[in-house]
N, C-alpha and C. Protein backbone atom coordinates (compact mmCIF):
# COMPACT_ATOMS: atom_id res chain seq x y z
N MET A 1 10.60 65.33 35.22
CA MET A 1 10.10 64.95 33.90
C MET A 1 10.84 63.69 33.39
N ALA A 2 12.13 63.60 33.67
CA ALA A 2 12.95 62.46 33.16
C ALA A 2 12.48 61.18 33.80
N ASN A 3 11.97 61.20 35.00
CA ASN A 3 11.51 59.96 35.70
C ASN A 3 10.24 59.43 35.09
N LEU A 4 9.46 60.27 34.37
CA LEU A 4 8.25 59.86 33.83
C LEU A 4 8.40 59.11 32.46
N GLU A 5 9.53 59.29 31.84
CA GLU A 5 9.78 58.68 30.53
C GLU A 5 10.07 57.19 30.68
N ARG A 6 9.52 56.38 29.80
CA ARG A 6 9.73 54.98 29.86
C ARG A 6 11.03 54.65 29.15
N PRO A 7 11.82 53.75 29.68
CA PRO A 7 13.08 53.36 28.94
C PRO A 7 12.75 52.59 27.67
N VAL A 8 13.72 52.62 26.78
CA VAL A 8 13.54 51.93 25.52
C VAL A 8 13.65 50.43 25.65
N HIS A 9 14.55 49.97 26.45
CA HIS A 9 14.80 48.55 26.65
C HIS A 9 14.64 48.15 28.12
N ASN A 10 14.37 46.86 28.35
CA ASN A 10 14.33 46.33 29.71
C ASN A 10 15.68 46.36 30.31
N ARG A 11 15.78 46.56 31.62
CA ARG A 11 17.10 46.54 32.28
C ARG A 11 17.47 45.09 32.53
N ARG A 12 18.75 44.82 32.43
CA ARG A 12 19.24 43.51 32.78
C ARG A 12 20.20 43.68 33.96
N TYR A 13 20.04 42.83 34.96
CA TYR A 13 20.82 42.92 36.15
C TYR A 13 21.73 41.68 36.28
N PRO A 14 22.94 41.84 36.66
CA PRO A 14 23.82 40.68 36.84
C PRO A 14 23.38 39.85 38.01
N LYS A 15 23.70 38.56 37.98
CA LYS A 15 23.30 37.64 38.96
C LYS A 15 23.79 38.00 40.36
N LYS A 16 25.04 38.47 40.40
CA LYS A 16 25.64 38.81 41.71
C LYS A 16 24.92 39.95 42.36
N LEU A 17 24.54 40.96 41.54
CA LEU A 17 23.78 42.14 42.02
C LEU A 17 22.44 41.70 42.58
N LYS A 18 21.77 40.77 41.92
CA LYS A 18 20.49 40.30 42.37
C LYS A 18 20.64 39.58 43.71
N LEU A 19 21.63 38.77 43.87
CA LEU A 19 21.84 38.04 45.12
C LEU A 19 22.18 38.97 46.25
N ARG A 20 23.02 40.00 46.02
CA ARG A 20 23.40 40.96 47.07
C ARG A 20 22.14 41.75 47.48
N ALA A 21 21.32 42.15 46.50
CA ALA A 21 20.15 42.90 46.86
C ALA A 21 19.13 42.05 47.67
N VAL A 22 18.98 40.83 47.30
CA VAL A 22 18.10 39.90 47.98
C VAL A 22 18.60 39.64 49.46
N ARG A 23 19.86 39.46 49.56
CA ARG A 23 20.43 39.28 50.97
C ARG A 23 20.22 40.51 51.82
N ASP A 24 20.50 41.70 51.24
CA ASP A 24 20.30 42.93 52.01
C ASP A 24 18.82 43.06 52.38
N TYR A 25 17.93 42.68 51.53
CA TYR A 25 16.51 42.79 51.79
C TYR A 25 16.11 41.80 52.90
N ARG A 26 16.58 40.58 52.77
CA ARG A 26 16.18 39.52 53.77
C ARG A 26 16.78 39.81 55.13
N ASN A 27 17.98 40.34 55.18
CA ASN A 27 18.68 40.56 56.48
C ASN A 27 18.29 41.92 57.07
N HIS A 28 17.41 42.69 56.43
CA HIS A 28 16.95 44.00 56.89
C HIS A 28 18.12 44.96 57.17
N ARG A 29 19.19 44.86 56.34
CA ARG A 29 20.36 45.70 56.55
C ARG A 29 20.03 47.14 56.19
N LEU A 30 19.18 47.28 55.11
CA LEU A 30 18.79 48.59 54.61
C LEU A 30 17.29 48.69 54.41
N PRO A 31 16.76 49.87 54.47
CA PRO A 31 15.34 50.04 54.11
C PRO A 31 15.20 49.74 52.58
N THR A 32 14.00 49.35 52.22
CA THR A 32 13.71 48.92 50.86
C THR A 32 14.09 49.98 49.80
N LYS A 33 13.71 51.23 50.09
CA LYS A 33 14.01 52.28 49.15
C LYS A 33 15.51 52.52 48.97
N GLU A 34 16.27 52.31 50.03
CA GLU A 34 17.70 52.48 49.91
C GLU A 34 18.32 51.32 49.13
N ILE A 35 17.74 50.14 49.25
CA ILE A 35 18.24 48.98 48.41
C ILE A 35 18.00 49.29 46.95
N LEU A 36 16.81 49.82 46.64
CA LEU A 36 16.51 50.16 45.25
C LEU A 36 17.48 51.18 44.66
N LEU A 37 17.81 52.19 45.52
CA LEU A 37 18.76 53.22 45.08
C LEU A 37 20.16 52.69 44.96
N LYS A 38 20.59 51.92 45.99
CA LYS A 38 21.96 51.38 46.02
C LYS A 38 22.26 50.55 44.80
N TYR A 39 21.31 49.66 44.48
CA TYR A 39 21.56 48.69 43.39
C TYR A 39 20.96 49.18 42.06
N ASP A 40 20.39 50.36 42.07
CA ASP A 40 19.77 50.95 40.89
C ASP A 40 18.71 50.00 40.23
N ILE A 41 17.82 49.50 41.11
CA ILE A 41 16.76 48.64 40.68
C ILE A 41 15.54 49.52 40.35
N ARG A 42 14.93 49.26 39.28
CA ARG A 42 13.88 50.08 38.78
C ARG A 42 12.63 50.10 39.67
N GLY A 43 12.21 48.97 40.22
CA GLY A 43 10.99 48.93 40.98
C GLY A 43 10.99 47.94 42.11
N LEU A 44 10.16 48.12 43.07
CA LEU A 44 10.04 47.21 44.19
C LEU A 44 9.55 45.86 43.79
N SER A 45 8.66 45.82 42.83
CA SER A 45 8.12 44.53 42.38
C SER A 45 9.24 43.66 41.84
N GLN A 46 10.21 44.28 41.15
CA GLN A 46 11.34 43.49 40.65
C GLN A 46 12.13 42.86 41.80
N LEU A 47 12.40 43.63 42.79
CA LEU A 47 13.13 43.05 43.96
C LEU A 47 12.30 41.98 44.65
N ARG A 48 11.01 42.20 44.79
CA ARG A 48 10.18 41.18 45.46
C ARG A 48 10.12 39.91 44.65
N ASN A 49 10.12 40.00 43.37
CA ASN A 49 10.12 38.77 42.53
C ASN A 49 11.43 37.97 42.72
N TRP A 50 12.55 38.65 42.86
CA TRP A 50 13.80 38.01 43.11
C TRP A 50 13.76 37.34 44.48
N VAL A 51 13.19 38.00 45.51
CA VAL A 51 13.12 37.47 46.84
C VAL A 51 12.25 36.19 46.83
N ILE A 52 11.19 36.19 46.08
CA ILE A 52 10.27 35.01 45.97
C ILE A 52 11.06 33.87 45.36
N LEU A 53 11.74 34.11 44.29
CA LEU A 53 12.56 33.05 43.65
C LEU A 53 13.57 32.50 44.63
N TYR A 54 14.26 33.41 45.32
CA TYR A 54 15.30 33.01 46.26
C TYR A 54 14.71 32.16 47.39
N ASN A 55 13.59 32.55 47.90
CA ASN A 55 12.89 31.82 48.97
C ASN A 55 12.45 30.47 48.57
N ASN A 56 12.13 30.30 47.26
CA ASN A 56 11.74 28.99 46.73
C ASN A 56 12.88 28.10 46.32
N GLY A 57 14.11 28.59 46.70
CA GLY A 57 15.23 27.70 46.46
C GLY A 57 15.82 27.90 45.03
N LYS A 58 15.30 28.87 44.28
CA LYS A 58 15.83 29.11 42.94
C LYS A 58 16.61 30.38 42.97
N GLU A 59 17.65 30.45 42.12
CA GLU A 59 18.43 31.69 42.06
C GLU A 59 17.65 32.65 41.18
N PRO A 60 17.71 33.92 41.55
CA PRO A 60 16.99 34.96 40.74
C PRO A 60 17.68 35.22 39.41
N VAL A 61 17.42 34.38 38.44
CA VAL A 61 18.00 34.60 37.10
C VAL A 61 16.92 34.71 36.08
N ARG A 62 17.23 35.28 34.98
CA ARG A 62 16.27 35.52 33.88
C ARG A 62 15.87 34.20 33.27
N LYS A 63 14.55 34.04 33.02
CA LYS A 63 14.06 32.85 32.38
C LYS A 63 14.46 32.83 30.93
N ARG A 64 14.86 31.71 30.45
CA ARG A 64 15.17 31.54 29.00
C ARG A 64 13.89 31.01 28.32
N VAL A 65 13.43 31.73 27.31
CA VAL A 65 12.25 31.36 26.61
C VAL A 65 12.66 30.69 25.31
N ARG A 66 12.09 29.55 25.01
CA ARG A 66 12.41 28.86 23.83
C ARG A 66 11.78 29.57 22.65
N LYS A 67 12.60 29.97 21.65
CA LYS A 67 12.04 30.80 20.56
C LYS A 67 11.26 29.96 19.58
N MET A 68 11.84 28.88 19.11
CA MET A 68 11.12 28.05 18.10
C MET A 68 11.38 26.57 18.43
N GLY A 69 10.45 25.74 18.05
CA GLY A 69 10.63 24.31 18.19
C GLY A 69 11.63 23.80 17.20
N ARG A 70 12.06 22.60 17.41
CA ARG A 70 13.04 22.04 16.48
C ARG A 70 12.36 21.60 15.19
N LYS A 71 13.12 21.46 14.15
CA LYS A 71 12.53 21.02 12.90
C LYS A 71 12.26 19.49 12.98
N VAL A 72 11.12 19.14 12.46
CA VAL A 72 10.73 17.72 12.53
C VAL A 72 10.44 17.28 11.08
N SER A 73 11.03 16.19 10.68
CA SER A 73 10.87 15.71 9.34
C SER A 73 9.51 14.99 9.18
N TYR A 74 9.15 14.72 7.96
CA TYR A 74 7.87 14.11 7.67
C TYR A 74 7.83 12.69 8.26
N ASP A 75 8.89 11.94 8.12
CA ASP A 75 9.00 10.59 8.66
C ASP A 75 8.93 10.59 10.16
N GLU A 76 9.52 11.60 10.80
CA GLU A 76 9.47 11.71 12.27
C GLU A 76 8.04 12.04 12.74
N LYS A 77 7.34 12.87 11.99
CA LYS A 77 5.94 13.19 12.29
C LYS A 77 5.12 11.87 12.28
N ILE A 78 5.34 11.05 11.30
CA ILE A 78 4.59 9.82 11.20
C ILE A 78 4.89 8.94 12.39
N GLU A 79 6.13 8.83 12.73
CA GLU A 79 6.56 8.05 13.91
C GLU A 79 5.92 8.57 15.22
N ILE A 80 5.86 9.92 15.36
CA ILE A 80 5.26 10.48 16.55
C ILE A 80 3.79 10.18 16.63
N VAL A 81 3.06 10.37 15.51
CA VAL A 81 1.58 10.10 15.48
C VAL A 81 1.33 8.64 15.78
N LYS A 82 2.14 7.74 15.20
CA LYS A 82 1.96 6.34 15.45
C LYS A 82 2.13 6.06 16.94
N TRP A 83 3.12 6.67 17.52
CA TRP A 83 3.38 6.45 18.96
C TRP A 83 2.21 6.96 19.80
N VAL A 84 1.68 8.15 19.46
CA VAL A 84 0.57 8.74 20.21
C VAL A 84 -0.67 7.82 20.05
N LEU A 85 -0.93 7.33 18.89
CA LEU A 85 -2.13 6.46 18.68
C LEU A 85 -1.95 5.11 19.46
N LYS A 86 -0.72 4.61 19.46
CA LYS A 86 -0.42 3.40 20.18
C LYS A 86 -0.55 3.55 21.71
N HIS A 87 -0.23 4.73 22.21
CA HIS A 87 -0.23 4.96 23.63
C HIS A 87 -1.48 5.76 24.12
N ASN A 88 -2.60 5.51 23.45
CA ASN A 88 -3.87 6.02 23.90
C ASN A 88 -3.89 7.63 23.94
N HIS A 89 -3.42 8.25 22.91
CA HIS A 89 -3.46 9.71 22.79
C HIS A 89 -2.79 10.44 23.93
N ASP A 90 -1.63 9.92 24.41
CA ASP A 90 -0.87 10.56 25.49
C ASP A 90 0.06 11.61 24.87
N TYR A 91 -0.49 12.77 24.65
CA TYR A 91 0.29 13.90 23.98
C TYR A 91 1.39 14.38 24.86
N LYS A 92 1.13 14.49 26.15
CA LYS A 92 2.11 14.98 27.07
C LYS A 92 3.36 14.16 27.10
N GLN A 93 3.17 12.81 27.17
CA GLN A 93 4.30 11.88 27.15
C GLN A 93 5.04 11.95 25.81
N ALA A 94 4.30 12.09 24.74
CA ALA A 94 4.90 12.16 23.43
C ALA A 94 5.75 13.44 23.32
N ALA A 95 5.26 14.53 23.85
CA ALA A 95 6.00 15.80 23.81
C ALA A 95 7.33 15.67 24.53
N GLN A 96 7.33 14.99 25.70
CA GLN A 96 8.55 14.80 26.46
C GLN A 96 9.51 13.85 25.73
N LYS A 97 8.95 12.75 25.23
CA LYS A 97 9.75 11.69 24.62
C LYS A 97 10.45 12.20 23.34
N PHE A 98 9.73 12.94 22.50
CA PHE A 98 10.27 13.35 21.17
C PHE A 98 10.76 14.81 21.15
N ASP A 99 10.77 15.49 22.32
CA ASP A 99 11.23 16.84 22.45
C ASP A 99 10.49 17.78 21.51
N ILE A 100 9.15 17.77 21.57
CA ILE A 100 8.33 18.65 20.80
C ILE A 100 7.28 19.24 21.80
N THR A 101 6.46 20.14 21.33
CA THR A 101 5.45 20.71 22.19
C THR A 101 4.17 19.79 22.16
N TYR A 102 3.41 19.89 23.22
CA TYR A 102 2.13 19.20 23.33
C TYR A 102 1.23 19.56 22.11
N SER A 103 1.16 20.85 21.80
CA SER A 103 0.22 21.31 20.75
C SER A 103 0.60 20.73 19.41
N ARG A 104 1.91 20.57 19.15
CA ARG A 104 2.34 20.01 17.87
C ARG A 104 1.91 18.49 17.74
N ALA A 105 2.13 17.79 18.84
CA ALA A 105 1.77 16.37 18.84
C ALA A 105 0.24 16.25 18.64
N TYR A 106 -0.47 17.10 19.32
CA TYR A 106 -2.02 17.04 19.22
C TYR A 106 -2.39 17.43 17.76
N ALA A 107 -1.82 18.49 17.21
CA ALA A 107 -2.24 18.95 15.88
C ALA A 107 -1.94 17.90 14.80
N TRP A 108 -0.77 17.27 14.87
CA TRP A 108 -0.42 16.28 13.89
C TRP A 108 -1.35 15.05 13.99
N THR A 109 -1.66 14.61 15.19
CA THR A 109 -2.58 13.50 15.38
C THR A 109 -3.94 13.82 14.82
N GLN A 110 -4.43 15.02 15.14
CA GLN A 110 -5.72 15.43 14.65
C GLN A 110 -5.77 15.52 13.11
N LYS A 111 -4.73 16.02 12.50
CA LYS A 111 -4.66 16.09 11.04
C LYS A 111 -4.75 14.67 10.43
N TYR A 112 -3.98 13.78 11.02
CA TYR A 112 -4.02 12.37 10.49
C TYR A 112 -5.36 11.78 10.74
N GLU A 113 -5.98 11.93 11.87
CA GLU A 113 -7.29 11.29 12.15
C GLU A 113 -8.36 11.84 11.31
N GLN A 114 -8.31 13.16 10.95
CA GLN A 114 -9.39 13.74 10.15
C GLN A 114 -9.24 13.26 8.66
N ALA A 115 -7.98 13.25 8.14
CA ALA A 115 -7.81 12.89 6.74
C ALA A 115 -7.68 11.34 6.60
N ASN A 116 -7.22 10.70 7.65
CA ASN A 116 -6.95 9.25 7.62
C ASN A 116 -5.92 8.98 6.49
N ASP A 117 -4.96 9.86 6.36
CA ASP A 117 -3.96 9.76 5.34
C ASP A 117 -2.66 10.41 5.85
N TRP A 118 -1.55 9.70 5.63
CA TRP A 118 -0.30 10.24 6.18
C TRP A 118 0.17 11.50 5.41
N THR A 119 -0.31 11.70 4.20
CA THR A 119 0.17 12.93 3.47
C THR A 119 -0.37 14.20 4.10
N ALA A 120 -1.38 14.07 4.97
CA ALA A 120 -1.89 15.30 5.67
C ALA A 120 -0.80 15.87 6.58
N LEU A 121 0.17 15.16 6.95
CA LEU A 121 1.29 15.58 7.80
C LEU A 121 2.38 16.33 7.05
N LYS A 122 2.28 16.32 5.74
CA LYS A 122 3.33 17.02 4.95
C LYS A 122 3.20 18.52 5.11
N ASP A 123 4.37 19.18 5.16
CA ASP A 123 4.40 20.63 5.31
C ASP A 123 4.12 21.26 3.99
N ARG A 124 3.01 21.97 3.90
CA ARG A 124 2.58 22.57 2.63
C ARG A 124 2.75 24.07 2.61
N HIS A 125 3.51 24.64 3.57
CA HIS A 125 3.70 26.09 3.57
C HIS A 125 4.31 26.58 2.25
N GLY A 126 3.58 27.50 1.60
CA GLY A 126 4.06 28.14 0.37
C GLY A 126 3.91 27.21 -0.88
N LYS A 127 3.28 26.09 -0.79
CA LYS A 127 3.14 25.17 -1.89
C LYS A 127 1.85 25.33 -2.63
N THR A 128 0.87 26.03 -2.17
CA THR A 128 -0.44 25.97 -2.82
C THR A 128 -0.52 27.01 -3.95
N ARG A 129 0.32 27.95 -4.04
CA ARG A 129 0.23 29.01 -5.00
C ARG A 129 0.34 28.47 -6.47
N GLY A 130 1.28 27.64 -6.69
CA GLY A 130 1.54 27.19 -8.02
C GLY A 130 0.64 26.08 -8.52
N ARG A 131 -0.18 25.52 -7.67
CA ARG A 131 -1.03 24.40 -8.00
C ARG A 131 -2.15 24.85 -8.95
N GLN A 132 -2.30 24.07 -9.98
CA GLN A 132 -3.40 24.32 -10.95
C GLN A 132 -4.68 23.60 -10.56
N PRO A 133 -5.83 24.18 -10.83
CA PRO A 133 -7.13 23.51 -10.52
C PRO A 133 -7.23 22.18 -11.19
N ALA A 134 -7.78 21.23 -10.49
CA ALA A 134 -7.84 19.86 -10.98
C ALA A 134 -8.96 19.65 -12.06
N ASP A 135 -10.12 20.17 -11.84
CA ASP A 135 -11.21 19.96 -12.83
C ASP A 135 -11.80 21.30 -13.27
N ARG A 136 -12.77 21.21 -14.18
CA ARG A 136 -13.36 22.43 -14.78
C ARG A 136 -14.07 23.26 -13.71
N GLU A 137 -14.81 22.63 -12.80
CA GLU A 137 -15.52 23.35 -11.77
C GLU A 137 -14.61 24.16 -10.85
N GLU A 138 -13.50 23.49 -10.47
CA GLU A 138 -12.52 24.16 -9.62
C GLU A 138 -11.88 25.31 -10.39
N GLN A 139 -11.63 25.15 -11.65
CA GLN A 139 -11.08 26.22 -12.53
C GLN A 139 -12.02 27.43 -12.55
N LEU A 140 -13.31 27.16 -12.72
CA LEU A 140 -14.31 28.22 -12.79
C LEU A 140 -14.42 29.00 -11.47
N LEU A 141 -14.40 28.22 -10.37
CA LEU A 141 -14.46 28.83 -9.02
C LEU A 141 -13.22 29.74 -8.82
N LYS A 142 -12.08 29.29 -9.23
CA LYS A 142 -10.84 30.07 -9.11
C LYS A 142 -10.98 31.37 -9.94
N GLU A 143 -11.52 31.24 -11.14
CA GLU A 143 -11.67 32.41 -12.02
C GLU A 143 -12.64 33.40 -11.37
N ILE A 144 -13.75 32.92 -10.79
CA ILE A 144 -14.73 33.77 -10.11
C ILE A 144 -14.06 34.54 -8.98
N ARG A 145 -13.27 33.83 -8.18
CA ARG A 145 -12.58 34.46 -7.04
C ARG A 145 -11.66 35.56 -7.52
N ASP A 146 -10.90 35.27 -8.58
CA ASP A 146 -10.00 36.26 -9.16
C ASP A 146 -10.72 37.46 -9.71
N LEU A 147 -11.83 37.27 -10.41
CA LEU A 147 -12.60 38.38 -10.92
C LEU A 147 -13.21 39.22 -9.81
N LYS A 148 -13.70 38.57 -8.73
CA LYS A 148 -14.22 39.33 -7.60
C LYS A 148 -13.15 40.19 -6.89
N ALA A 149 -11.95 39.62 -6.81
CA ALA A 149 -10.85 40.37 -6.23
C ALA A 149 -10.51 41.59 -7.07
N LYS A 150 -10.46 41.40 -8.45
CA LYS A 150 -10.17 42.53 -9.26
C LYS A 150 -11.25 43.60 -9.19
N LEU A 151 -12.51 43.14 -9.13
CA LEU A 151 -13.65 44.11 -9.01
C LEU A 151 -13.55 44.88 -7.72
N ARG A 152 -13.25 44.25 -6.63
CA ARG A 152 -13.11 44.89 -5.34
C ARG A 152 -11.98 45.91 -5.39
N GLU A 153 -10.88 45.53 -5.96
CA GLU A 153 -9.71 46.43 -6.10
C GLU A 153 -10.08 47.68 -6.92
N ARG A 154 -10.86 47.45 -8.01
CA ARG A 154 -11.26 48.56 -8.84
C ARG A 154 -12.22 49.48 -8.06
N GLU A 155 -13.11 48.93 -7.30
CA GLU A 155 -14.07 49.72 -6.51
C GLU A 155 -13.27 50.60 -5.49
N VAL A 156 -12.28 50.02 -4.87
CA VAL A 156 -11.50 50.77 -3.91
C VAL A 156 -10.73 51.91 -4.61
N GLN A 157 -10.16 51.64 -5.79
CA GLN A 157 -9.45 52.71 -6.49
C GLN A 157 -10.42 53.86 -6.89
N ILE A 158 -11.66 53.51 -7.32
CA ILE A 158 -12.61 54.55 -7.68
C ILE A 158 -12.98 55.37 -6.44
N ALA A 159 -13.26 54.71 -5.35
CA ALA A 159 -13.62 55.39 -4.11
C ALA A 159 -12.49 56.31 -3.66
N PHE A 160 -11.25 55.88 -3.82
CA PHE A 160 -10.10 56.64 -3.41
C PHE A 160 -10.00 57.88 -4.32
N SER A 161 -10.12 57.72 -5.64
CA SER A 161 -10.04 58.86 -6.55
C SER A 161 -11.14 59.87 -6.25
N LYS A 162 -12.36 59.34 -6.01
CA LYS A 162 -13.49 60.29 -5.68
C LYS A 162 -13.15 61.14 -4.42
N LYS A 163 -12.65 60.44 -3.41
CA LYS A 163 -12.32 61.14 -2.19
C LYS A 163 -11.19 62.13 -2.38
N LEU A 164 -10.24 61.78 -3.17
CA LEU A 164 -9.14 62.66 -3.48
C LEU A 164 -9.63 63.95 -4.20
N ILE A 165 -10.50 63.78 -5.16
CA ILE A 165 -11.10 64.88 -5.90
C ILE A 165 -11.90 65.80 -4.94
N GLU A 166 -12.67 65.12 -4.07
CA GLU A 166 -13.45 65.85 -3.09
C GLU A 166 -12.60 66.74 -2.21
N ILE A 167 -11.49 66.15 -1.72
CA ILE A 167 -10.58 66.86 -0.81
C ILE A 167 -9.93 68.01 -1.52
N SER A 168 -9.54 67.77 -2.76
CA SER A 168 -8.87 68.86 -3.52
C SER A 168 -9.85 69.96 -3.86
N ASN A 169 -11.13 69.68 -3.99
CA ASN A 169 -12.13 70.69 -4.34
C ASN A 169 -12.65 71.52 -3.17
N ARG A 170 -12.25 71.11 -1.95
CA ARG A 170 -12.77 71.79 -0.75
C ARG A 170 -12.33 73.23 -0.69
N GLY A 171 -11.12 73.50 -1.08
CA GLY A 171 -10.60 74.87 -0.91
C GLY A 171 -10.89 75.72 -2.11
N VAL A 172 -11.46 75.18 -3.18
CA VAL A 172 -11.67 75.96 -4.42
C VAL A 172 -13.01 76.70 -4.36
N LYS A 173 -13.01 77.98 -4.64
CA LYS A 173 -14.25 78.75 -4.68
C LYS A 173 -14.77 78.67 -6.09
N ARG A 174 -16.06 78.34 -6.17
CA ARG A 174 -16.74 78.12 -7.49
C ARG A 174 -17.83 79.09 -7.68
N PRO A 175 -18.10 79.39 -8.89
CA PRO A 175 -19.35 80.23 -9.18
C PRO A 175 -20.59 79.41 -8.75
N ASN A 176 -21.69 80.09 -8.54
CA ASN A 176 -22.94 79.42 -8.07
C ASN A 176 -23.47 78.44 -9.10
N ASN A 177 -23.23 78.59 -10.38
CA ASN A 177 -23.84 77.75 -11.39
C ASN A 177 -23.09 76.37 -11.55
N ILE A 178 -21.92 76.16 -10.90
CA ILE A 178 -21.19 74.95 -11.08
C ILE A 178 -21.44 74.12 -9.76
N LYS A 179 -21.94 72.90 -9.88
CA LYS A 179 -22.20 72.12 -8.73
C LYS A 179 -20.91 71.42 -8.27
N ARG A 180 -20.86 71.26 -6.94
CA ARG A 180 -19.69 70.53 -6.43
C ARG A 180 -19.78 69.03 -6.76
N PHE A 181 -18.67 68.39 -6.82
CA PHE A 181 -18.65 66.95 -7.09
C PHE A 181 -19.33 66.18 -5.96
N LYS A 182 -20.26 65.30 -6.27
CA LYS A 182 -21.00 64.60 -5.29
C LYS A 182 -20.44 63.13 -5.18
N LYS A 183 -20.62 62.53 -4.05
CA LYS A 183 -20.14 61.21 -3.79
C LYS A 183 -20.75 60.21 -4.66
């Protein structure tokens, strides 16, 4: 039963252990199952992946995944977009030159080209909440959205309270002349 339970975390193997296991596998010193037991390797596919890496001239080490891209200032975004436009939309080259991802170079260029304005590249995360509507029409549209949201919330509250009453009335025995609460 203990073998059927999944571990909470992925196993990490030291580099030396990986190399010893791969060498034993390649030199046929031990059968595969014995190698797995000797080095306490969870599965054959793990060992085979290490062997493939080793055969391709790479050491069997864990890949480092980049968590987040670096911060890029507004002026730097402008410089990158100008470079991309000057070099015939070569996003790949821009990504390598400026140490950013291809998708970021592409997205910034597209934003600029659609708006044809450099302010489109400004980071607006979290900035739209406090903005007041510019004209009367925008103000009315905002008010309509707010009222619809309040109405929807009220409908949900009413539906919830009806369901709660219905659930609480299920176990109550009533005389025949009193009707049950209907939806």
